[in-house]
């Protein structure tokens, strides 16, 4: 059966450690095209613009995006995922073969009598 996730990928050009403004995103679209061309799971999970094509089971995305990102050391790959479980929302940031995992944090504020209506 498996576990389905909606994936989307956003790319940013990095200069030093800061994002750079792009006048034309065509070079980054070419990177997404190459990823989809080289990786069958990425082709199934991602649309041509990096958006969510359909739910998929891309279990090996981290192992595959780390080496792929090394080919583009000045591109920040932000892979977003939303799984079947309510709290399974995350982003993974890939830069030059390394990854940072950021999971959504749900916070319910403490009781505040001043907010009673």
PDB file of N, CA and C in Angstrom:
ATOM      1  N   UNK A   1       0.834  -1.184   0.000  1.00  0.00           N
ATOM      2  CA  UNK A   1       0.000   0.000   0.000  1.00  0.00           C
ATOM      3  C   UNK A   1       0.878   1.246   0.000  1.00  0.00           C
ATOM      4  N   UNK A   2       1.532   1.581   1.098  1.00  0.00           N
ATOM      5  CA  UNK A   2       2.458   2.703   1.120  1.00  0.00           C
ATOM      6  C   UNK A   2       1.866   3.971   1.689  1.00  0.00           C
ATOM      7  N   UNK A   3       2.703   4.967   1.779  1.00  0.00           N
ATOM      8  CA  UNK A   3       2.354   6.247   2.379  1.00  0.00           C
ATOM      9  C   UNK A   3       2.477   7.334   1.318  1.00  0.00           C
ATOM     10  N   UNK A   4       1.396   8.056   1.079  1.00  0.00           N
ATOM     11  CA  UNK A   4       1.371   9.083   0.035  1.00  0.00           C
ATOM     12  C   UNK A   4       1.721  10.459   0.593  1.00  0.00           C
ATOM     13  N   UNK A   5       2.442  11.217  -0.207  1.00  0.00           N
ATOM     14  CA  UNK A   5       2.846  12.577   0.146  1.00  0.00           C
ATOM     15  C   UNK A   5       2.703  13.462  -1.082  1.00  0.00           C
ATOM     16  N   UNK A   6       2.252  14.699  -0.869  1.00  0.00           N
ATOM     17  CA  UNK A   6       2.295  15.730  -1.916  1.00  0.00           C
ATOM     18  C   UNK A   6       3.646  16.418  -1.793  1.00  0.00           C
ATOM     19  N   UNK A   7       4.404  16.459  -2.883  1.00  0.00           N
ATOM     20  CA  UNK A   7       5.711  17.107  -2.898  1.00  0.00           C
ATOM     21  C   UNK A   7       5.653  18.341  -3.787  1.00  0.00           C
ATOM     22  N   UNK A   8       6.421  19.346  -3.424  1.00  0.00           N
ATOM     23  CA  UNK A   8       6.658  20.473  -4.323  1.00  0.00           C
ATOM     24  C   UNK A   8       8.094  20.935  -4.114  1.00  0.00           C
ATOM     25  N   UNK A   9       8.687  21.459  -5.166  1.00  0.00           N
ATOM     26  CA  UNK A   9      10.092  21.859  -5.134  1.00  0.00           C
ATOM     27  C   UNK A   9      10.224  23.295  -5.596  1.00  0.00           C
ATOM     28  N   UNK A  10      10.924  24.076  -4.792  1.00  0.00           N
ATOM     29  CA  UNK A  10      11.207  25.469  -5.140  1.00  0.00           C
ATOM     30  C   UNK A  10      12.719  25.640  -5.139  1.00  0.00           C
ATOM     31  N   UNK A  11      13.245  26.375  -6.104  1.00  0.00           N
ATOM     32  CA  UNK A  11      14.682  26.603  -6.204  1.00  0.00           C
ATOM     33  C   UNK A  11      14.987  28.082  -6.080  1.00  0.00           C
ATOM     34  N   UNK A  12      16.094  28.388  -5.406  1.00  0.00           N
ATOM     35  CA  UNK A  12      16.586  29.762  -5.280  1.00  0.00           C
ATOM     36  C   UNK A  12      18.070  29.770  -5.583  1.00  0.00           C
ATOM     37  N   UNK A  13      18.494  30.784  -6.292  1.00  0.00           N
ATOM     38  CA  UNK A  13      19.915  30.984  -6.550  1.00  0.00           C
ATOM     39  C   UNK A  13      20.536  31.606  -5.314  1.00  0.00           C
ATOM     40  N   UNK A  14      21.679  31.084  -4.888  1.00  0.00           N
ATOM     41  CA  UNK A  14      22.357  31.592  -3.696  1.00  0.00           C
ATOM     42  C   UNK A  14      23.679  32.222  -4.098  1.00  0.00           C
ATOM     43  N   UNK A  15      23.977  33.361  -3.479  1.00  0.00           N
ATOM     44  CA  UNK A  15      25.283  33.993  -3.642  1.00  0.00           C
ATOM     45  C   UNK A  15      25.832  34.171  -2.235  1.00  0.00           C
ATOM     46  N   UNK A  16      26.975  33.549  -1.955  1.00  0.00           N
ATOM     47  CA  UNK A  16      27.454  33.505  -0.576  1.00  0.00           C
ATOM     48  C   UNK A  16      26.487  32.664   0.218  1.00  0.00           C
ATOM     49  N   UNK A  17      25.899  33.242   1.233  1.00  0.00           N
ATOM     50  CA  UNK A  17      24.887  32.517   2.000  1.00  0.00           C
ATOM     51  C   UNK A  17      23.532  33.199   1.903  1.00  0.00           C
ATOM     52  N   UNK A  18      23.376  34.102   0.931  1.00  0.00           N
ATOM     53  CA  UNK A  18      22.116  34.838   0.785  1.00  0.00           C
ATOM     54  C   UNK A  18      21.448  34.497  -0.547  1.00  0.00           C
ATOM     55  N   UNK A  19      20.107  34.564  -0.541  1.00  0.00           N
ATOM     56  CA  UNK A  19      19.348  34.350  -1.768  1.00  0.00           C
ATOM     57  C   UNK A  19      19.570  35.536  -2.692  1.00  0.00           C
ATOM     58  N   UNK A  20      19.659  35.257  -3.973  1.00  0.00           N
ATOM     59  CA  UNK A  20      19.843  36.308  -4.966  1.00  0.00           C
ATOM     60  C   UNK A  20      18.543  36.533  -5.723  1.00  0.00           C
ATOM     61  N   UNK A  21      18.265  37.751  -6.071  1.00  0.00           N
ATOM     62  CA  UNK A  21      17.087  38.057  -6.879  1.00  0.00           C
ATOM     63  C   UNK A  21      17.355  37.630  -8.321  1.00  0.00           C
ATOM     64  N   UNK A  22      16.376  36.979  -8.921  1.00  0.00           N
ATOM     65  CA  UNK A  22      16.513  36.538 -10.302  1.00  0.00           C
ATOM     66  C   UNK A  22      15.574  37.330 -11.189  1.00  0.00           C
ATOM     67  N   UNK A  23      16.072  37.759 -12.314  1.00  0.00           N
ATOM     68  CA  UNK A  23      15.214  38.422 -13.285  1.00  0.00           C
ATOM     69  C   UNK A  23      14.504  37.396 -14.149  1.00  0.00           C
ATOM     70  N   UNK A  24      15.107  36.236 -14.306  1.00  0.00           N
ATOM     71  CA  UNK A  24      14.558  35.189 -15.161  1.00  0.00           C
ATOM     72  C   UNK A  24      14.742  33.852 -14.454  1.00  0.00           C
ATOM     73  N   UNK A  25      13.659  33.110 -14.237  1.00  0.00           N
ATOM     74  CA  UNK A  25      13.778  31.828 -13.545  1.00  0.00           C
ATOM     75  C   UNK A  25      13.981  30.659 -14.501  1.00  0.00           C
ATOM     76  N   UNK A  26      14.219  30.938 -15.770  1.00  0.00           N
ATOM     77  CA  UNK A  26      14.396  29.876 -16.761  1.00  0.00           C
ATOM     78  C   UNK A  26      15.565  28.942 -16.416  1.00  0.00           C
ATOM     79  N   UNK A  27      16.719  29.453 -15.962  1.00  0.00           N
ATOM     80  CA  UNK A  27      17.796  28.513 -15.604  1.00  0.00           C
ATOM     81  C   UNK A  27      17.379  27.554 -14.486  1.00  0.00           C
ATOM     82  N   UNK A  28      16.577  28.021 -13.542  1.00  0.00           N
ATOM     83  CA  UNK A  28      16.141  27.137 -12.465  1.00  0.00           C
ATOM     84  C   UNK A  28      15.118  26.124 -12.965  1.00  0.00           C
ATOM     85  N   UNK A  29      14.277  26.512 -13.897  1.00  0.00           N
ATOM     86  CA  UNK A  29      13.345  25.549 -14.507  1.00  0.00           C
ATOM     87  C   UNK A  29      14.112  24.445 -15.226  1.00  0.00           C
ATOM     88  N   UNK A  30      15.251  24.790 -15.792  1.00  0.00           N
ATOM     89  CA  UNK A  30      16.086  23.797 -16.471  1.00  0.00           C
ATOM     90  C   UNK A  30      16.624  22.777 -15.458  1.00  0.00           C
ATOM     91  N   UNK A  31      16.947  23.223 -14.250  1.00  0.00           N
ATOM     92  CA  UNK A  31      17.414  22.310 -13.205  1.00  0.00           C
ATOM     93  C   UNK A  31      16.299  21.330 -12.841  1.00  0.00           C
ATOM     94  N   UNK A  32      15.070  21.828 -12.701  1.00  0.00           N
ATOM     95  CA  UNK A  32      13.938  20.945 -12.402  1.00  0.00           C
ATOM     96  C   UNK A  32      13.725  19.956 -13.547  1.00  0.00           C
ATOM     97  N   UNK A  33      13.857  20.437 -14.775  1.00  0.00           N
ATOM     98  CA  UNK A  33      13.703  19.552 -15.938  1.00  0.00           C
ATOM     99  C   UNK A  33      14.735  18.422 -15.892  1.00  0.00           C
ATOM    100  N   UNK A  34      15.984  18.763 -15.560  1.00  0.00           N
ATOM    101  CA  UNK A  34      17.033  17.738 -15.496  1.00  0.00           C
ATOM    102  C   UNK A  34      16.767  16.750 -14.367  1.00  0.00           C
ATOM    103  N   UNK A  35      16.297  17.241 -13.227  1.00  0.00           N
ATOM    104  CA  UNK A  35      15.974  16.343 -12.120  1.00  0.00           C
ATOM    105  C   UNK A  35      14.885  15.364 -12.541  1.00  0.00           C
ATOM    106  N   UNK A  36      13.841  15.861 -13.180  1.00  0.00           N
ATOM    107  CA  UNK A  36      12.739  14.993 -13.610  1.00  0.00           C
ATOM    108  C   UNK A  36      13.194  14.029 -14.694  1.00  0.00           C
ATOM    109  N   UNK A  37      14.126  14.465 -15.528  1.00  0.00           N
ATOM    110  CA  UNK A  37      14.643  13.622 -16.596  1.00  0.00           C
ATOM    111  C   UNK A  37      15.485  12.476 -16.030  1.00  0.00           C
ATOM    112  N   UNK A  38      16.269  12.766 -15.001  1.00  0.00           N
ATOM    113  CA  UNK A  38      17.181  11.771 -14.429  1.00  0.00           C
ATOM    114  C   UNK A  38      16.527  10.877 -13.377  1.00  0.00           C
ATOM    115  N   UNK A  39      15.401  11.308 -12.818  1.00  0.00           N
ATOM    116  CA  UNK A  39      14.832  10.609 -11.676  1.00  0.00           C
ATOM    117  C   UNK A  39      13.356  10.312 -11.916  1.00  0.00           C
ATOM    118  N   UNK A  40      13.041   9.039 -12.060  1.00  0.00           N
ATOM    119  CA  UNK A  40      11.665   8.634 -12.368  1.00  0.00           C
ATOM    120  C   UNK A  40      10.693   9.031 -11.255  1.00  0.00           C
ATOM    121  N   UNK A  41      11.105   8.894 -10.005  1.00  0.00           N
ATOM    122  CA  UNK A  41      10.221   9.267  -8.897  1.00  0.00           C
ATOM    123  C   UNK A  41       9.953  10.764  -8.883  1.00  0.00           C
ATOM    124  N   UNK A  42      10.981  11.577  -9.164  1.00  0.00           N
ATOM    125  CA  UNK A  42      10.797  13.030  -9.231  1.00  0.00           C
ATOM    126  C   UNK A  42       9.863  13.389 -10.379  1.00  0.00           C
ATOM    127  N   UNK A  43       9.992  12.702 -11.480  1.00  0.00           N
ATOM    128  CA  UNK A  43       9.124  12.944 -12.636  1.00  0.00           C
ATOM    129  C   UNK A  43       7.662  12.659 -12.293  1.00  0.00           C
ATOM    130  N   UNK A  44       7.446  11.644 -11.486  1.00  0.00           N
ATOM    131  CA  UNK A  44       6.092  11.273 -11.082  1.00  0.00           C
ATOM    132  C   UNK A  44       5.555  12.242 -10.021  1.00  0.00           C
ATOM    133  N   UNK A  45       6.422  12.676  -9.081  1.00  0.00           N
ATOM    134  CA  UNK A  45       5.984  13.485  -7.942  1.00  0.00           C
ATOM    135  C   UNK A  45       5.852  14.972  -8.266  1.00  0.00           C
ATOM    136  N   UNK A  46       6.661  15.481  -9.200  1.00  0.00           N
ATOM    137  CA  UNK A  46       6.732  16.916  -9.450  1.00  0.00           C
ATOM    138  C   UNK A  46       6.276  17.284 -10.851  1.00  0.00           C
ATOM    139  N   UNK A  47       5.579  18.410 -10.953  1.00  0.00           N
ATOM    140  CA  UNK A  47       5.213  18.960 -12.251  1.00  0.00           C
ATOM    141  C   UNK A  47       6.443  19.660 -12.843  1.00  0.00           C
ATOM    142  N   UNK A  48       6.344  20.096 -14.080  1.00  0.00           N
ATOM    143  CA  UNK A  48       7.469  20.745 -14.759  1.00  0.00           C
ATOM    144  C   UNK A  48       7.945  22.008 -14.051  1.00  0.00           C
ATOM    145  N   UNK A  49       7.033  22.685 -13.351  1.00  0.00           N
ATOM    146  CA  UNK A  49       7.425  23.901 -12.635  1.00  0.00           C
ATOM    147  C   UNK A  49       7.826  23.620 -11.190  1.00  0.00           C
ATOM    148  N   UNK A  50       7.871  22.339 -10.795  1.00  0.00           N
ATOM    149  CA  UNK A  50       8.244  21.964  -9.441  1.00  0.00           C
ATOM    150  C   UNK A  50       7.057  21.800  -8.507  1.00  0.00           C
ATOM    151  N   UNK A  51       5.866  22.139  -8.995  1.00  0.00           N
ATOM    152  CA  UNK A  51       4.665  22.001  -8.171  1.00  0.00           C
ATOM    153  C   UNK A  51       4.301  20.546  -7.951  1.00  0.00           C
ATOM    154  N   UNK A  52       3.251  20.359  -7.183  1.00  0.00           N
ATOM    155  CA  UNK A  52       2.803  19.011  -6.869  1.00  0.00           C
ATOM    156  C   UNK A  52       1.995  18.448  -8.028  1.00  0.00           C
ATOM    157  N   UNK A  53       2.503  17.412  -8.634  1.00  0.00           N
ATOM    158  CA  UNK A  53       1.829  16.766  -9.760  1.00  0.00           C
ATOM    159  C   UNK A  53       0.684  15.893  -9.251  1.00  0.00           C
ATOM    160  N   UNK A  54       0.976  15.079  -8.246  1.00  0.00           N
ATOM    161  CA  UNK A  54       0.010  14.157  -7.653  1.00  0.00           C
ATOM    162  C   UNK A  54       0.647  13.569  -6.404  1.00  0.00           C
ATOM    163  N   UNK A  55      -0.134  12.899  -5.579  1.00  0.00           N
ATOM    164  CA  UNK A  55       0.478  12.247  -4.425  1.00  0.00           C
ATOM    165  C   UNK A  55       1.392  11.143  -4.924  1.00  0.00           C
ATOM    166  N   UNK A  56       2.459  10.912  -4.179  1.00  0.00           N
ATOM    167  CA  UNK A  56       3.385   9.872  -4.608  1.00  0.00           C
ATOM    168  C   UNK A  56       4.112   9.292  -3.399  1.00  0.00           C
ATOM    169  N   UNK A  57       4.902   8.301  -3.659  1.00  0.00           N
ATOM    170  CA  UNK A  57       5.666   7.586  -2.635  1.00  0.00           C
ATOM    171  C   UNK A  57       7.152   7.711  -2.948  1.00  0.00           C
ATOM    172  N   UNK A  58       7.678   8.914  -2.889  1.00  0.00           N
ATOM    173  CA  UNK A  58       9.085   9.178  -3.209  1.00  0.00           C
ATOM    174  C   UNK A  58       9.908   9.020  -1.930  1.00  0.00           C
ATOM    175  N   UNK A  59      10.038   7.783  -1.467  1.00  0.00           N
ATOM    176  CA  UNK A  59      10.697   7.486  -0.200  1.00  0.00           C
ATOM    177  C   UNK A  59      12.181   7.853  -0.204  1.00  0.00           C
ATOM    178  N   UNK A  60      12.812   7.844  -1.353  1.00  0.00           N
ATOM    179  CA  UNK A  60      14.265   8.048  -1.446  1.00  0.00           C
ATOM    180  C   UNK A  60      14.640   9.476  -1.837  1.00  0.00           C
ATOM    181  N   UNK A  61      13.720  10.424  -1.660  1.00  0.00           N
ATOM    182  CA  UNK A  61      13.990  11.796  -2.109  1.00  0.00           C
ATOM    183  C   UNK A  61      15.236  12.383  -1.460  1.00  0.00           C
ATOM    184  N   UNK A  62      15.446  12.130  -0.179  1.00  0.00           N
ATOM    185  CA  UNK A  62      16.603  12.728   0.498  1.00  0.00           C
ATOM    186  C   UNK A  62      17.914  12.150  -0.039  1.00  0.00           C
ATOM    187  N   UNK A  63      17.982  10.835  -0.168  1.00  0.00           N
ATOM    188  CA  UNK A  63      19.197  10.193  -0.680  1.00  0.00           C
ATOM    189  C   UNK A  63      19.490  10.608  -2.120  1.00  0.00           C
ATOM    190  N   UNK A  64      18.464  10.953  -2.885  1.00  0.00           N
ATOM    191  CA  UNK A  64      18.648  11.318  -4.289  1.00  0.00           C
ATOM    192  C   UNK A  64      18.899  12.813  -4.476  1.00  0.00           C
ATOM    193  N   UNK A  65      18.277  13.647  -3.653  1.00  0.00           N
ATOM    194  CA  UNK A  65      18.465  15.088  -3.820  1.00  0.00           C
ATOM    195  C   UNK A  65      19.795  15.583  -3.267  1.00  0.00           C
ATOM    196  N   UNK A  66      20.355  14.904  -2.279  1.00  0.00           N
ATOM    197  CA  UNK A  66      21.650  15.334  -1.751  1.00  0.00           C
ATOM    198  C   UNK A  66      22.724  15.317  -2.845  1.00  0.00           C
ATOM    199  N   UNK A  67      22.947  14.198  -3.539  1.00  0.00           N
ATOM    200  CA  UNK A  67      23.962  14.219  -4.595  1.00  0.00           C
ATOM    201  C   UNK A  67      23.560  15.082  -5.792  1.00  0.00           C
ATOM    202  N   UNK A  68      22.261  15.149  -6.082  1.00  0.00           N
ATOM    203  CA  UNK A  68      21.829  15.984  -7.210  1.00  0.00           C
ATOM    204  C   UNK A  68      22.141  17.445  -6.918  1.00  0.00           C
ATOM    205  N   UNK A  69      21.943  17.880  -5.676  1.00  0.00           N
ATOM    206  CA  UNK A  69      22.198  19.278  -5.334  1.00  0.00           C
ATOM    207  C   UNK A  69      23.689  19.625  -5.419  1.00  0.00           C
ATOM    208  N   UNK A  70      24.547  18.638  -5.308  1.00  0.00           N
ATOM    209  CA  UNK A  70      25.985  18.891  -5.460  1.00  0.00           C
ATOM    210  C   UNK A  70      26.337  19.360  -6.871  1.00  0.00           C
ATOM    211  N   UNK A  71      25.533  18.978  -7.842  1.00  0.00           N
ATOM    212  CA  UNK A  71      25.762  19.407  -9.227  1.00  0.00           C
ATOM    213  C   UNK A  71      25.486  20.899  -9.407  1.00  0.00           C
ATOM    214  N   UNK A  72      24.723  21.484  -8.491  1.00  0.00           N
ATOM    215  CA  UNK A  72      24.318  22.890  -8.562  1.00  0.00           C
ATOM    216  C   UNK A  72      24.599  23.546  -7.206  1.00  0.00           C
ATOM    217  N   UNK A  73      25.875  23.772  -6.890  1.00  0.00           N
ATOM    218  CA  UNK A  73      26.237  24.221  -5.540  1.00  0.00           C
ATOM    219  C   UNK A  73      25.694  25.594  -5.157  1.00  0.00           C
ATOM    220  N   UNK A  74      25.255  26.386  -6.117  1.00  0.00           N
ATOM    221  CA  UNK A  74      24.709  27.718  -5.817  1.00  0.00           C
ATOM    222  C   UNK A  74      23.189  27.754  -5.872  1.00  0.00           C
ATOM    223  N   UNK A  75      22.563  26.584  -5.858  1.00  0.00           N
ATOM    224  CA  UNK A  75      21.099  26.520  -5.899  1.00  0.00           C
ATOM    225  C   UNK A  75      20.600  25.906  -4.593  1.00  0.00           C
ATOM    226  N   UNK A  76      19.670  26.605  -3.942  1.00  0.00           N
ATOM    227  CA  UNK A  76      19.006  26.082  -2.751  1.00  0.00           C
ATOM    228  C   UNK A  76      17.738  25.368  -3.209  1.00  0.00           C
ATOM    229  N   UNK A  77      17.663  24.070  -2.943  1.00  0.00           N
ATOM    230  CA  UNK A  77      16.501  23.256  -3.273  1.00  0.00           C
ATOM    231  C   UNK A  77      15.628  23.192  -2.022  1.00  0.00           C
ATOM    232  N   UNK A  78      14.388  23.645  -2.111  1.00  0.00           N
ATOM    233  CA  UNK A  78      13.454  23.543  -0.987  1.00  0.00           C
ATOM    234  C   UNK A  78      12.353  22.587  -1.389  1.00  0.00           C
ATOM    235  N   UNK A  79      12.410  21.381  -0.818  1.00  0.00           N
ATOM    236  CA  UNK A  79      11.396  20.365  -1.089  1.00  0.00           C
ATOM    237  C   UNK A  79      10.387  20.409   0.048  1.00  0.00           C
ATOM    238  N   UNK A  80       9.126  20.650  -0.293  1.00  0.00           N
ATOM    239  CA  UNK A  80       8.047  20.685   0.692  1.00  0.00           C
ATOM    240  C   UNK A  80       7.235  19.408   0.574  1.00  0.00           C
ATOM    241  N   UNK A  81       6.793  18.905   1.716  1.00  0.00           N
ATOM    242  CA  UNK A  81       5.989  17.702   1.718  1.00  0.00           C
ATOM    243  C   UNK A  81       4.824  17.824   2.665  1.00  0.00           C
ATOM    244  N   UNK A  82       3.704  17.239   2.236  1.00  0.00           N
ATOM    245  CA  UNK A  82       2.523  17.147   3.089  1.00  0.00           C
ATOM    246  C   UNK A  82       2.000  15.728   2.956  1.00  0.00           C
ATOM    247  N   UNK A  83       2.157  14.954   4.045  1.00  0.00           N
ATOM    248  CA  UNK A  83       1.790  13.548   4.035  1.00  0.00           C
ATOM    249  C   UNK A  83       0.345  13.309   4.413  1.00  0.00           C
ATOM    250  N   UNK A  84      -0.003  12.058   4.527  1.00  0.00           N
ATOM    251  CA  UNK A  84      -1.378  11.652   4.842  1.00  0.00           C
ATOM    252  C   UNK A  84      -1.785  12.010   6.269  1.00  0.00           C
ATOM    253  N   UNK A  85      -0.850  12.003   7.194  1.00  0.00           N
ATOM    254  CA  UNK A  85      -1.142  12.317   8.592  1.00  0.00           C
ATOM    255  C   UNK A  85      -1.268  13.832   8.753  1.00  0.00           C
ATOM    256  N   UNK A  86      -2.158  14.280   9.658  1.00  0.00           N
ATOM    257  CA  UNK A  86      -2.416  15.703   9.851  1.00  0.00           C
ATOM    258  C   UNK A  86      -1.172  16.507  10.189  1.00  0.00           C
ATOM    259  N   UNK A  87      -0.265  15.936  10.972  1.00  0.00           N
ATOM    260  CA  UNK A  87       0.904  16.688  11.410  1.00  0.00           C
ATOM    261  C   UNK A  87       2.153  16.427  10.569  1.00  0.00           C
ATOM    262  N   UNK A  88       2.008  15.759   9.456  1.00  0.00           N
ATOM    263  CA  UNK A  88       3.160  15.436   8.606  1.00  0.00           C
ATOM    264  C   UNK A  88       3.330  16.509   7.528  1.00  0.00           C
ATOM    265  N   UNK A  89       3.850  17.651   7.957  1.00  0.00           N
ATOM    266  CA  UNK A  89       4.125  18.775   7.060  1.00  0.00           C
ATOM    267  C   UNK A  89       5.568  19.185   7.314  1.00  0.00           C
ATOM    268  N   UNK A  90       6.354  19.288   6.278  1.00  0.00           N
ATOM    269  CA  UNK A  90       7.770  19.568   6.446  1.00  0.00           C
ATOM    270  C   UNK A  90       8.362  20.257   5.224  1.00  0.00           C
ATOM    271  N   UNK A  91       9.570  20.774   5.414  1.00  0.00           N
ATOM    272  CA  UNK A  91      10.410  21.267   4.319  1.00  0.00           C
ATOM    273  C   UNK A  91      11.792  20.690   4.535  1.00  0.00           C
ATOM    274  N   UNK A  92      12.436  20.371   3.425  1.00  0.00           N
ATOM    275  CA  UNK A  92      13.834  19.951   3.467  1.00  0.00           C
ATOM    276  C   UNK A  92      14.601  20.875   2.538  1.00  0.00           C
ATOM    277  N   UNK A  93      15.659  21.455   3.089  1.00  0.00           N
ATOM    278  CA  UNK A  93      16.486  22.396   2.338  1.00  0.00           C
ATOM    279  C   UNK A  93      17.773  21.674   1.954  1.00  0.00           C
ATOM    280  N   UNK A  94      18.054  21.614   0.656  1.00  0.00           N
ATOM    281  CA  UNK A  94      19.251  20.960   0.151  1.00  0.00           C
ATOM    282  C   UNK A  94      20.155  22.010  -0.469  1.00  0.00           C
ATOM    283  N   UNK A  95      21.420  22.003  -0.048  1.00  0.00           N
ATOM    284  CA  UNK A  95      22.398  22.929  -0.616  1.00  0.00           C
ATOM    285  C   UNK A  95      23.735  22.216  -0.686  1.00  0.00           C
ATOM    286  N   UNK A  96      24.226  22.051  -1.895  1.00  0.00           N
ATOM    287  CA  UNK A  96      25.543  21.479  -2.148  1.00  0.00           C
ATOM    288  C   UNK A  96      25.772  20.151  -1.409  1.00  0.00           C
ATOM    289  N   UNK A  97      24.806  19.251  -1.519  1.00  0.00           N
ATOM    290  CA  UNK A  97      24.965  17.911  -0.972  1.00  0.00           C
ATOM    291  C   UNK A  97      24.593  17.749   0.489  1.00  0.00           C
ATOM    292  N   UNK A  98      24.135  18.817   1.122  1.00  0.00           N
ATOM    293  CA  UNK A  98      23.738  18.745   2.531  1.00  0.00           C
ATOM    294  C   UNK A  98      22.253  19.046   2.652  1.00  0.00           C
ATOM    295  N   UNK A  99      21.654  18.597   3.766  1.00  0.00           N
ATOM    296  CA  UNK A  99      20.216  18.778   3.949  1.00  0.00           C
ATOM    297  C   UNK A  99      19.924  19.287   5.352  1.00  0.00           C
ATOM    298  N   UNK A 100      18.927  20.151   5.442  1.00  0.00           N
ATOM    299  CA  UNK A 100      18.348  20.580   6.716  1.00  0.00           C
ATOM    300  C   UNK A 100      16.880  20.185   6.677  1.00  0.00           C
ATOM    301  N   UNK A 101      16.415  19.493   7.725  1.00  0.00           N
ATOM    302  CA  UNK A 101      15.024  19.068   7.810  1.00  0.00           C
ATOM    303  C   UNK A 101      14.298  20.000   8.772  1.00  0.00           C
ATOM    304  N   UNK A 102      13.166  20.545   8.322  1.00  0.00           N
ATOM    305  CA  UNK A 102      12.352  21.440   9.152  1.00  0.00           C
ATOM    306  C   UNK A 102      10.928  20.914   9.169  1.00  0.00           C
ATOM    307  N   UNK A 103      10.500  20.432  10.333  1.00  0.00           N
ATOM    308  CA  UNK A 103       9.141  19.902  10.475  1.00  0.00           C
ATOM    309  C   UNK A 103       8.229  20.983  11.030  1.00  0.00           C
ATOM    310  N   UNK A 104       6.984  20.987  10.571  1.00  0.00           N
ATOM    311  CA  UNK A 104       6.006  21.962  11.050  1.00  0.00           C
ATOM    312  C   UNK A 104       5.796  21.770  12.541  1.00  0.00           C
ATOM    313  N   UNK A 105       5.614  22.881  13.229  1.00  0.00           N
ATOM    314  CA  UNK A 105       5.349  22.845  14.660  1.00  0.00           C
ATOM    315  C   UNK A 105       3.977  23.458  14.907  1.00  0.00           C
ATOM    316  N   UNK A 106       3.098  22.667  15.506  1.00  0.00           N
ATOM    317  CA  UNK A 106       1.762  23.151  15.833  1.00  0.00           C
ATOM    318  C   UNK A 106       1.808  23.649  17.273  1.00  0.00           C
ATOM    319  N   UNK A 107       1.334  24.851  17.480  1.00  0.00           N
ATOM    320  CA  UNK A 107       1.361  25.441  18.816  1.00  0.00           C
ATOM    321  C   UNK A 107      -0.034  25.942  19.163  1.00  0.00           C
ATOM    322  N   UNK A 108      -0.517  25.553  20.327  1.00  0.00           N
ATOM    323  CA  UNK A 108      -1.800  26.041  20.826  1.00  0.00           C
ATOM    324  C   UNK A 108      -1.484  26.996  21.969  1.00  0.00           C
ATOM    325  N   UNK A 109      -1.880  28.267  21.845  1.00  0.00           N
ATOM    326  CA  UNK A 109      -1.563  29.243  22.891  1.00  0.00           C
ATOM    327  C   UNK A 109      -2.211  28.869  24.230  1.00  0.00           C
ATOM    328  N   UNK A 110      -1.560  29.302  25.316  1.00  0.00           N
ATOM    329  CA  UNK A 110      -2.099  29.095  26.657  1.00  0.00           C
ATOM    330  C   UNK A 110      -3.376  29.910  26.828  1.00  0.00           C
ATOM    331  N   UNK A 111      -4.136  29.542  27.838  1.00  0.00           N
ATOM    332  CA  UNK A 111      -5.362  30.255  28.169  1.00  0.00           C
ATOM    333  C   UNK A 111      -5.032  31.705  28.508  1.00  0.00           C
ATOM    334  N   UNK A 112      -5.819  32.634  27.967  1.00  0.00           N
ATOM    335  CA  UNK A 112      -5.666  34.057  28.237  1.00  0.00           C
ATOM    336  C   UNK A 112      -7.042  34.620  28.561  1.00  0.00           C
ATOM    337  N   UNK A 113      -7.323  34.916  29.841  1.00  0.00           N
ATOM    338  CA  UNK A 113      -8.654  35.402  30.197  1.00  0.00           C
ATOM    339  C   UNK A 113      -9.019  36.700  29.487  1.00  0.00           C
ATOM    340  N   UNK A 114      -8.042  37.456  29.049  1.00  0.00           N
ATOM    341  CA  UNK A 114      -8.304  38.697  28.338  1.00  0.00           C
ATOM    342  C   UNK A 114      -8.887  38.478  26.944  1.00  0.00           C
ATOM    343  N   UNK A 115      -8.834  37.265  26.472  1.00  0.00           N
ATOM    344  CA  UNK A 115      -9.372  36.961  25.136  1.00  0.00           C
ATOM    345  C   UNK A 115     -10.737  36.325  25.192  1.00  0.00           C
ATOM    346  N   UNK A 116     -11.320  36.199  26.381  1.00  0.00           N
ATOM    347  CA  UNK A 116     -12.655  35.623  26.483  1.00  0.00           C
ATOM    348  C   UNK A 116     -13.669  36.593  25.858  1.00  0.00           C
ATOM    349  N   UNK A 117     -14.573  36.057  25.079  1.00  0.00           N
ATOM    350  CA  UNK A 117     -15.588  36.903  24.421  1.00  0.00           C
ATOM    351  C   UNK A 117     -16.962  36.605  24.971  1.00  0.00           C
TER     352      UNK A 117
END
